[in-house]
Amino acid sequence: MREAKYTSCRGRSSDLEISCDRGEIKRAIGLLVNGKAAGQDGILAEAIKADMDTLTDMLYSLLGKIWLEEVVPADSGRLDT
């Protein structure tokens, strides 16, 4: 996996300071309930948990980028179109 440009969720946005770490993201993924129907994205909890380390790194980079740039990416590739 290539090194992400954004390596921290710590931001300077407004007067807020947010800090998240990979452990917090892993814990949130671990709370997903297996055996439930997929959500709007069509991804089952089991699939998300299958490679938790890679997904954690990807989410950490994405959340850091969103925080620093103060822009949420547009919804792309929705399954219900």
PDB file of N, CA and C in Angstrom:
ATOM      1  N   MET A   1       0.841  -1.179   0.000  1.00  0.00           N
ATOM      2  CA  MET A   1       0.000   0.000   0.000  1.00  0.00           C
ATOM      3  C   MET A   1       0.887   1.242   0.000  1.00  0.00           C
ATOM      4  N   ARG A   2       0.581   2.204  -0.845  1.00  0.00           N
ATOM      5  CA  ARG A   2       1.414   3.401  -0.892  1.00  0.00           C
ATOM      6  C   ARG A   2       1.122   4.299   0.303  1.00  0.00           C
ATOM      7  N   GLU A   3       2.096   5.066   0.671  1.00  0.00           N
ATOM      8  CA  GLU A   3       1.973   5.950   1.834  1.00  0.00           C
ATOM      9  C   GLU A   3       0.953   7.045   1.562  1.00  0.00           C
ATOM     10  N   ALA A   4       0.049   7.226   2.479  1.00  0.00           N
ATOM     11  CA  ALA A   4      -0.990   8.242   2.334  1.00  0.00           C
ATOM     12  C   ALA A   4      -0.398   9.625   2.554  1.00  0.00           C
ATOM     13  N   LYS A   5      -0.925  10.588   1.825  1.00  0.00           N
ATOM     14  CA  LYS A   5      -0.479  11.969   1.966  1.00  0.00           C
ATOM     15  C   LYS A   5      -0.884  12.532   3.326  1.00  0.00           C
ATOM     16  N   TYR A   6      -2.054  12.164   3.789  1.00  0.00           N
ATOM     17  CA  TYR A   6      -2.567  12.658   5.061  1.00  0.00           C
ATOM     18  C   TYR A   6      -2.401  11.564   6.099  1.00  0.00           C
ATOM     19  N   THR A   7      -1.650  11.825   7.106  1.00  0.00           N
ATOM     20  CA  THR A   7      -1.352  10.787   8.085  1.00  0.00           C
ATOM     21  C   THR A   7      -1.918  11.081   9.463  1.00  0.00           C
ATOM     22  N   SER A   8      -2.712  12.113   9.583  1.00  0.00           N
ATOM     23  CA  SER A   8      -3.240  12.445  10.897  1.00  0.00           C
ATOM     24  C   SER A   8      -4.659  12.971  10.795  1.00  0.00           C
ATOM     25  N   CYS A   9      -5.455  12.647  11.777  1.00  0.00           N
ATOM     26  CA  CYS A   9      -6.804  13.204  11.860  1.00  0.00           C
ATOM     27  C   CYS A   9      -6.797  14.482  12.690  1.00  0.00           C
ATOM     28  N   ARG A  10      -5.666  14.873  13.195  1.00  0.00           N
ATOM     29  CA  ARG A  10      -5.584  16.095  13.996  1.00  0.00           C
ATOM     30  C   ARG A  10      -5.647  17.278  13.048  1.00  0.00           C
ATOM     31  N   GLY A  11      -6.587  18.163  13.283  1.00  0.00           N
ATOM     32  CA  GLY A  11      -6.798  19.253  12.346  1.00  0.00           C
ATOM     33  C   GLY A  11      -6.750  20.614  12.983  1.00  0.00           C
ATOM     34  N   ARG A  12      -6.855  21.611  12.157  1.00  0.00           N
ATOM     35  CA  ARG A  12      -6.834  22.987  12.630  1.00  0.00           C
ATOM     36  C   ARG A  12      -8.155  23.673  12.317  1.00  0.00           C
ATOM     37  N   SER A  13      -9.153  22.901  11.958  1.00  0.00           N
ATOM     38  CA  SER A  13     -10.420  23.442  11.514  1.00  0.00           C
ATOM     39  C   SER A  13     -11.101  24.231  12.627  1.00  0.00           C
ATOM     40  N   SER A  14     -11.475  25.456  12.302  1.00  0.00           N
ATOM     41  CA  SER A  14     -12.179  26.336  13.236  1.00  0.00           C
ATOM     42  C   SER A  14     -11.445  26.397  14.565  1.00  0.00           C
ATOM     43  N   ASP A  15     -12.192  26.352  15.644  1.00  0.00           N
ATOM     44  CA  ASP A  15     -11.592  26.354  16.971  1.00  0.00           C
ATOM     45  C   ASP A  15     -11.563  24.948  17.561  1.00  0.00           C
ATOM     46  N   LEU A  16     -11.951  23.976  16.771  1.00  0.00           N
ATOM     47  CA  LEU A  16     -12.032  22.604  17.253  1.00  0.00           C
ATOM     48  C   LEU A  16     -10.707  21.885  17.059  1.00  0.00           C
ATOM     49  N   GLU A  17     -10.459  20.953  17.923  1.00  0.00           N
ATOM     50  CA  GLU A  17      -9.328  20.062  17.700  1.00  0.00           C
ATOM     51  C   GLU A  17      -9.848  18.652  17.822  1.00  0.00           C
ATOM     52  N   ILE A  18      -9.641  17.901  16.788  1.00  0.00           N
ATOM     53  CA  ILE A  18     -10.101  16.514  16.765  1.00  0.00           C
ATOM     54  C   ILE A  18      -8.886  15.625  16.681  1.00  0.00           C
ATOM     55  N   SER A  19      -8.933  14.556  17.378  1.00  0.00           N
ATOM     56  CA  SER A  19      -7.853  13.600  17.309  1.00  0.00           C
ATOM     57  C   SER A  19      -8.467  12.210  17.258  1.00  0.00           C
ATOM     58  N   CYS A  20      -8.091  11.439  16.268  1.00  0.00           N
ATOM     59  CA  CYS A  20      -8.520  10.043  16.216  1.00  0.00           C
ATOM     60  C   CYS A  20      -7.288   9.204  15.935  1.00  0.00           C
ATOM     61  N   ASP A  21      -7.365   7.959  16.292  1.00  0.00           N
ATOM     62  CA  ASP A  21      -6.247   7.080  15.999  1.00  0.00           C
ATOM     63  C   ASP A  21      -6.764   5.805  15.349  1.00  0.00           C
ATOM     64  N   ARG A  22      -5.855   5.036  14.835  1.00  0.00           N
ATOM     65  CA  ARG A  22      -6.238   3.807  14.132  1.00  0.00           C
ATOM     66  C   ARG A  22      -6.971   2.833  15.060  1.00  0.00           C
ATOM     67  N   GLY A  23      -6.607   2.832  16.332  1.00  0.00           N
ATOM     68  CA  GLY A  23      -7.277   1.957  17.297  1.00  0.00           C
ATOM     69  C   GLY A  23      -8.749   2.294  17.442  1.00  0.00           C
ATOM     70  N   GLU A  24      -9.060   3.573  17.440  1.00  0.00           N
ATOM     71  CA  GLU A  24     -10.453   4.021  17.543  1.00  0.00           C
ATOM     72  C   GLU A  24     -11.247   3.582  16.307  1.00  0.00           C
ATOM     73  N   ILE A  25     -10.631   3.681  15.148  1.00  0.00           N
ATOM     74  CA  ILE A  25     -11.294   3.262  13.910  1.00  0.00           C
ATOM     75  C   ILE A  25     -11.501   1.754  13.918  1.00  0.00           C
ATOM     76  N   LYS A  26     -10.492   0.992  14.353  1.00  0.00           N
ATOM     77  CA  LYS A  26     -10.618  -0.467  14.432  1.00  0.00           C
ATOM     78  C   LYS A  26     -11.737  -0.874  15.386  1.00  0.00           C
ATOM     79  N   ARG A  27     -11.830  -0.189  16.517  1.00  0.00           N
ATOM     80  CA  ARG A  27     -12.890  -0.508  17.478  1.00  0.00           C
ATOM     81  C   ARG A  27     -14.271  -0.269  16.858  1.00  0.00           C
ATOM     82  N   ALA A  28     -14.417   0.829  16.111  1.00  0.00           N
ATOM     83  CA  ALA A  28     -15.702   1.125  15.469  1.00  0.00           C
ATOM     84  C   ALA A  28     -16.050   0.059  14.436  1.00  0.00           C
ATOM     85  N   ILE A  29     -15.072  -0.367  13.657  1.00  0.00           N
ATOM     86  CA  ILE A  29     -15.313  -1.434  12.669  1.00  0.00           C
ATOM     87  C   ILE A  29     -15.713  -2.718  13.391  1.00  0.00           C
ATOM     88  N   GLY A  30     -15.039  -3.012  14.491  1.00  0.00           N
ATOM     89  CA  GLY A  30     -15.334  -4.219  15.256  1.00  0.00           C
ATOM     90  C   GLY A  30     -16.741  -4.247  15.827  1.00  0.00           C
ATOM     91  N   LEU A  31     -17.346  -3.084  16.011  1.00  0.00           N
ATOM     92  CA  LEU A  31     -18.711  -3.015  16.544  1.00  0.00           C
ATOM     93  C   LEU A  31     -19.783  -3.320  15.500  1.00  0.00           C
ATOM     94  N   LEU A  32     -19.396  -3.388  14.225  1.00  0.00           N
ATOM     95  CA  LEU A  32     -20.378  -3.732  13.193  1.00  0.00           C
ATOM     96  C   LEU A  32     -20.906  -5.140  13.449  1.00  0.00           C
ATOM     97  N   VAL A  33     -22.196  -5.330  13.253  1.00  0.00           N
ATOM     98  CA  VAL A  33     -22.847  -6.598  13.574  1.00  0.00           C
ATOM     99  C   VAL A  33     -22.847  -7.513  12.361  1.00  0.00           C
ATOM    100  N   ASN A  34     -22.281  -8.713  12.526  1.00  0.00           N
ATOM    101  CA  ASN A  34     -22.301  -9.723  11.463  1.00  0.00           C
ATOM    102  C   ASN A  34     -23.705 -10.289  11.289  1.00  0.00           C
ATOM    103  N   GLY A  35     -24.002 -10.774  10.099  1.00  0.00           N
ATOM    104  CA  GLY A  35     -25.272 -11.444   9.849  1.00  0.00           C
ATOM    105  C   GLY A  35     -26.427 -10.526   9.522  1.00  0.00           C
ATOM    106  N   LYS A  36     -26.185  -9.255   9.417  1.00  0.00           N
ATOM    107  CA  LYS A  36     -27.229  -8.286   9.071  1.00  0.00           C
ATOM    108  C   LYS A  36     -27.186  -8.004   7.573  1.00  0.00           C
ATOM    109  N   ALA A  37     -28.279  -7.501   7.048  1.00  0.00           N
ATOM    110  CA  ALA A  37     -28.327  -7.124   5.631  1.00  0.00           C
ATOM    111  C   ALA A  37     -27.366  -5.969   5.374  1.00  0.00           C
ATOM    112  N   ALA A  38     -26.848  -5.926   4.166  1.00  0.00           N
ATOM    113  CA  ALA A  38     -25.941  -4.843   3.780  1.00  0.00           C
ATOM    114  C   ALA A  38     -26.691  -3.516   3.787  1.00  0.00           C
ATOM    115  N   GLY A  39     -25.956  -2.465   4.015  1.00  0.00           N
ATOM    116  CA  GLY A  39     -26.539  -1.131   3.987  1.00  0.00           C
ATOM    117  C   GLY A  39     -26.671  -0.618   2.573  1.00  0.00           C
ATOM    118  N   GLN A  40     -26.857   0.672   2.436  1.00  0.00           N
ATOM    119  CA  GLN A  40     -27.034   1.307   1.137  1.00  0.00           C
ATOM    120  C   GLN A  40     -25.854   1.074   0.205  1.00  0.00           C
ATOM    121  N   ASP A  41     -24.673   0.916   0.773  1.00  0.00           N
ATOM    122  CA  ASP A  41     -23.484   0.700  -0.045  1.00  0.00           C
ATOM    123  C   ASP A  41     -23.358  -0.739  -0.533  1.00  0.00           C
ATOM    124  N   GLY A  42     -24.176  -1.638  -0.010  1.00  0.00           N
ATOM    125  CA  GLY A  42     -24.159  -3.032  -0.439  1.00  0.00           C
ATOM    126  C   GLY A  42     -23.025  -3.854   0.153  1.00  0.00           C
ATOM    127  N   ILE A  43     -22.327  -3.327   1.147  1.00  0.00           N
ATOM    128  CA  ILE A  43     -21.183  -4.026   1.728  1.00  0.00           C
ATOM    129  C   ILE A  43     -21.583  -4.632   3.072  1.00  0.00           C
ATOM    130  N   LEU A  44     -21.379  -5.933   3.205  1.00  0.00           N
ATOM    131  CA  LEU A  44     -21.687  -6.629   4.452  1.00  0.00           C
ATOM    132  C   LEU A  44     -20.620  -6.351   5.507  1.00  0.00           C
ATOM    133  N   ALA A  45     -21.019  -6.413   6.772  1.00  0.00           N
ATOM    134  CA  ALA A  45     -20.074  -6.205   7.876  1.00  0.00           C
ATOM    135  C   ALA A  45     -18.926  -7.205   7.794  1.00  0.00           C
ATOM    136  N   GLU A  46     -19.231  -8.425   7.412  1.00  0.00           N
ATOM    137  CA  GLU A  46     -18.203  -9.462   7.305  1.00  0.00           C
ATOM    138  C   GLU A  46     -17.133  -9.079   6.290  1.00  0.00           C
ATOM    139  N   ALA A  47     -17.545  -8.459   5.186  1.00  0.00           N
ATOM    140  CA  ALA A  47     -16.590  -8.030   4.164  1.00  0.00           C
ATOM    141  C   ALA A  47     -15.727  -6.886   4.674  1.00  0.00           C
ATOM    142  N   ILE A  48     -16.329  -5.986   5.426  1.00  0.00           N
ATOM    143  CA  ILE A  48     -15.590  -4.854   5.982  1.00  0.00           C
ATOM    144  C   ILE A  48     -14.547  -5.355   6.978  1.00  0.00           C
ATOM    145  N   LYS A  49     -14.914  -6.337   7.775  1.00  0.00           N
ATOM    146  CA  LYS A  49     -14.017  -6.864   8.799  1.00  0.00           C
ATOM    147  C   LYS A  49     -12.950  -7.801   8.233  1.00  0.00           C
ATOM    148  N   ALA A  50     -13.113  -8.267   6.992  1.00  0.00           N
ATOM    149  CA  ALA A  50     -12.210  -9.254   6.417  1.00  0.00           C
ATOM    150  C   ALA A  50     -10.766  -8.762   6.345  1.00  0.00           C
ATOM    151  N   ASP A  51     -10.574  -7.504   6.059  1.00  0.00           N
ATOM    152  CA  ASP A  51      -9.215  -6.942   6.007  1.00  0.00           C
ATOM    153  C   ASP A  51      -9.213  -5.627   6.784  1.00  0.00           C
ATOM    154  N   MET A  52      -9.370  -5.766   8.076  1.00  0.00           N
ATOM    155  CA  MET A  52      -9.544  -4.607   8.939  1.00  0.00           C
ATOM    156  C   MET A  52      -8.331  -3.676   8.924  1.00  0.00           C
ATOM    157  N   ASP A  53      -7.126  -4.216   8.820  1.00  0.00           N
ATOM    158  CA  ASP A  53      -5.929  -3.370   8.830  1.00  0.00           C
ATOM    159  C   ASP A  53      -5.891  -2.440   7.626  1.00  0.00           C
ATOM    160  N   THR A  54      -6.168  -2.978   6.441  1.00  0.00           N
ATOM    161  CA  THR A  54      -6.163  -2.153   5.232  1.00  0.00           C
ATOM    162  C   THR A  54      -7.267  -1.109   5.283  1.00  0.00           C
ATOM    163  N   LEU A  55      -8.472  -1.522   5.668  1.00  0.00           N
ATOM    164  CA  LEU A  55      -9.584  -0.581   5.735  1.00  0.00           C
ATOM    165  C   LEU A  55      -9.317   0.508   6.776  1.00  0.00           C
ATOM    166  N   THR A  56      -8.733   0.124   7.896  1.00  0.00           N
ATOM    167  CA  THR A  56      -8.404   1.107   8.934  1.00  0.00           C
ATOM    168  C   THR A  56      -7.453   2.165   8.387  1.00  0.00           C
ATOM    169  N   ASP A  57      -6.412   1.742   7.678  1.00  0.00           N
ATOM    170  CA  ASP A  57      -5.466   2.698   7.089  1.00  0.00           C
ATOM    171  C   ASP A  57      -6.151   3.605   6.076  1.00  0.00           C
ATOM    172  N   MET A  58      -7.024   3.022   5.257  1.00  0.00           N
ATOM    173  CA  MET A  58      -7.721   3.817   4.241  1.00  0.00           C
ATOM    174  C   MET A  58      -8.644   4.851   4.891  1.00  0.00           C
ATOM    175  N   LEU A  59      -9.410   4.429   5.894  1.00  0.00           N
ATOM    176  CA  LEU A  59     -10.321   5.355   6.570  1.00  0.00           C
ATOM    177  C   LEU A  59      -9.554   6.438   7.328  1.00  0.00           C
ATOM    178  N   TYR A  60      -8.452   6.068   7.945  1.00  0.00           N
ATOM    179  CA  TYR A  60      -7.626   7.035   8.669  1.00  0.00           C
ATOM    180  C   TYR A  60      -7.145   8.131   7.718  1.00  0.00           C
ATOM    181  N   SER A  61      -6.664   7.732   6.557  1.00  0.00           N
ATOM    182  CA  SER A  61      -6.201   8.709   5.560  1.00  0.00           C
ATOM    183  C   SER A  61      -7.348   9.571   5.050  1.00  0.00           C
ATOM    184  N   LEU A  62      -8.475   8.935   4.740  1.00  0.00           N
ATOM    185  CA  LEU A  62      -9.626   9.665   4.222  1.00  0.00           C
ATOM    186  C   LEU A  62     -10.152  10.666   5.247  1.00  0.00           C
ATOM    187  N   LEU A  63     -10.314  10.234   6.476  1.00  0.00           N
ATOM    188  CA  LEU A  63     -10.828  11.134   7.518  1.00  0.00           C
ATOM    189  C   LEU A  63      -9.864  12.284   7.785  1.00  0.00           C
ATOM    190  N   GLY A  64      -8.570  12.010   7.744  1.00  0.00           N
ATOM    191  CA  GLY A  64      -7.581  13.072   7.913  1.00  0.00           C
ATOM    192  C   GLY A  64      -7.660  14.088   6.793  1.00  0.00           C
ATOM    193  N   LYS A  65      -7.836  13.601   5.572  1.00  0.00           N
ATOM    194  CA  LYS A  65      -7.946  14.505   4.415  1.00  0.00           C
ATOM    195  C   LYS A  65      -9.206  15.360   4.522  1.00  0.00           C
ATOM    196  N   ILE A  66     -10.319  14.742   4.877  1.00  0.00           N
ATOM    197  CA  ILE A  66     -11.580  15.484   5.032  1.00  0.00           C
ATOM    198  C   ILE A  66     -11.412  16.563   6.101  1.00  0.00           C
ATOM    199  N   TRP A  67     -10.792  16.223   7.219  1.00  0.00           N
ATOM    200  CA  TRP A  67     -10.625  17.179   8.302  1.00  0.00           C
ATOM    201  C   TRP A  67      -9.743  18.348   7.889  1.00  0.00           C
ATOM    202  N   LEU A  68      -8.621  18.049   7.247  1.00  0.00           N
ATOM    203  CA  LEU A  68      -7.681  19.109   6.867  1.00  0.00           C
ATOM    204  C   LEU A  68      -8.219  20.018   5.768  1.00  0.00           C
ATOM    205  N   GLU A  69      -8.901  19.431   4.788  1.00  0.00           N
ATOM    206  CA  GLU A  69      -9.400  20.210   3.657  1.00  0.00           C
ATOM    207  C   GLU A  69     -10.778  20.798   3.896  1.00  0.00           C
ATOM    208  N   GLU A  70     -11.459  20.320   4.952  1.00  0.00           N
ATOM    209  CA  GLU A  70     -12.810  20.761   5.290  1.00  0.00           C
ATOM    210  C   GLU A  70     -13.779  20.582   4.123  1.00  0.00           C
ATOM    211  N   VAL A  71     -13.599  19.489   3.376  1.00  0.00           N
ATOM    212  CA  VAL A  71     -14.461  19.168   2.239  1.00  0.00           C
ATOM    213  C   VAL A  71     -14.774  17.674   2.304  1.00  0.00           C
ATOM    214  N   VAL A  72     -16.059  17.352   2.253  1.00  0.00           N
ATOM    215  CA  VAL A  72     -16.484  15.963   2.215  1.00  0.00           C
ATOM    216  C   VAL A  72     -16.622  15.553   0.750  1.00  0.00           C
ATOM    217  N   PRO A  73     -16.027  14.427   0.344  1.00  0.00           N
ATOM    218  CA  PRO A  73     -16.124  14.001  -1.049  1.00  0.00           C
ATOM    219  C   PRO A  73     -17.583  13.815  -1.475  1.00  0.00           C
ATOM    220  N   ALA A  74     -17.855  14.115  -2.732  1.00  0.00           N
ATOM    221  CA  ALA A  74     -19.202  13.903  -3.281  1.00  0.00           C
ATOM    222  C   ALA A  74     -19.489  12.416  -3.314  1.00  0.00           C
ATOM    223  N   ASP A  75     -20.741  12.056  -3.180  1.00  0.00           N
ATOM    224  CA  ASP A  75     -21.148  10.661  -3.240  1.00  0.00           C
ATOM    225  C   ASP A  75     -20.905  10.136  -4.653  1.00  0.00           C
ATOM    226  N   SER A  76     -20.078   9.126  -4.753  1.00  0.00           N
ATOM    227  CA  SER A  76     -19.809   8.569  -6.076  1.00  0.00           C
ATOM    228  C   SER A  76     -20.022   7.068  -6.044  1.00  0.00           C
ATOM    229  N   GLY A  77     -20.621   6.558  -7.083  1.00  0.00           N
ATOM    230  CA  GLY A  77     -20.812   5.121  -7.198  1.00  0.00           C
ATOM    231  C   GLY A  77     -21.901   4.556  -6.344  1.00  0.00           C
ATOM    232  N   ARG A  78     -22.972   5.277  -6.128  1.00  0.00           N
ATOM    233  CA  ARG A  78     -24.087   4.748  -5.339  1.00  0.00           C
ATOM    234  C   ARG A  78     -24.705   3.560  -6.025  1.00  0.00           C
ATOM    235  N   LEU A  79     -25.079   2.579  -5.256  1.00  0.00           N
ATOM    236  CA  LEU A  79     -25.650   1.346  -5.810  1.00  0.00           C
ATOM    237  C   LEU A  79     -27.136   1.461  -6.133  1.00  0.00           C
ATOM    238  N   ASP A  80     -27.810   2.456  -5.576  1.00  0.00           N
ATOM    239  CA  ASP A  80     -29.257   2.534  -5.747  1.00  0.00           C
ATOM    240  C   ASP A  80     -29.661   3.474  -6.892  1.00  0.00           C
ATOM    241  N   THR A  81     -28.778   3.752  -7.821  1.00  0.00           N
ATOM    242  CA  THR A  81     -29.116   4.637  -8.928  1.00  0.00           C
ATOM    243  C   THR A  81     -29.808   3.897 -10.044  1.00  0.00           C
TER     244      THR A  81
END
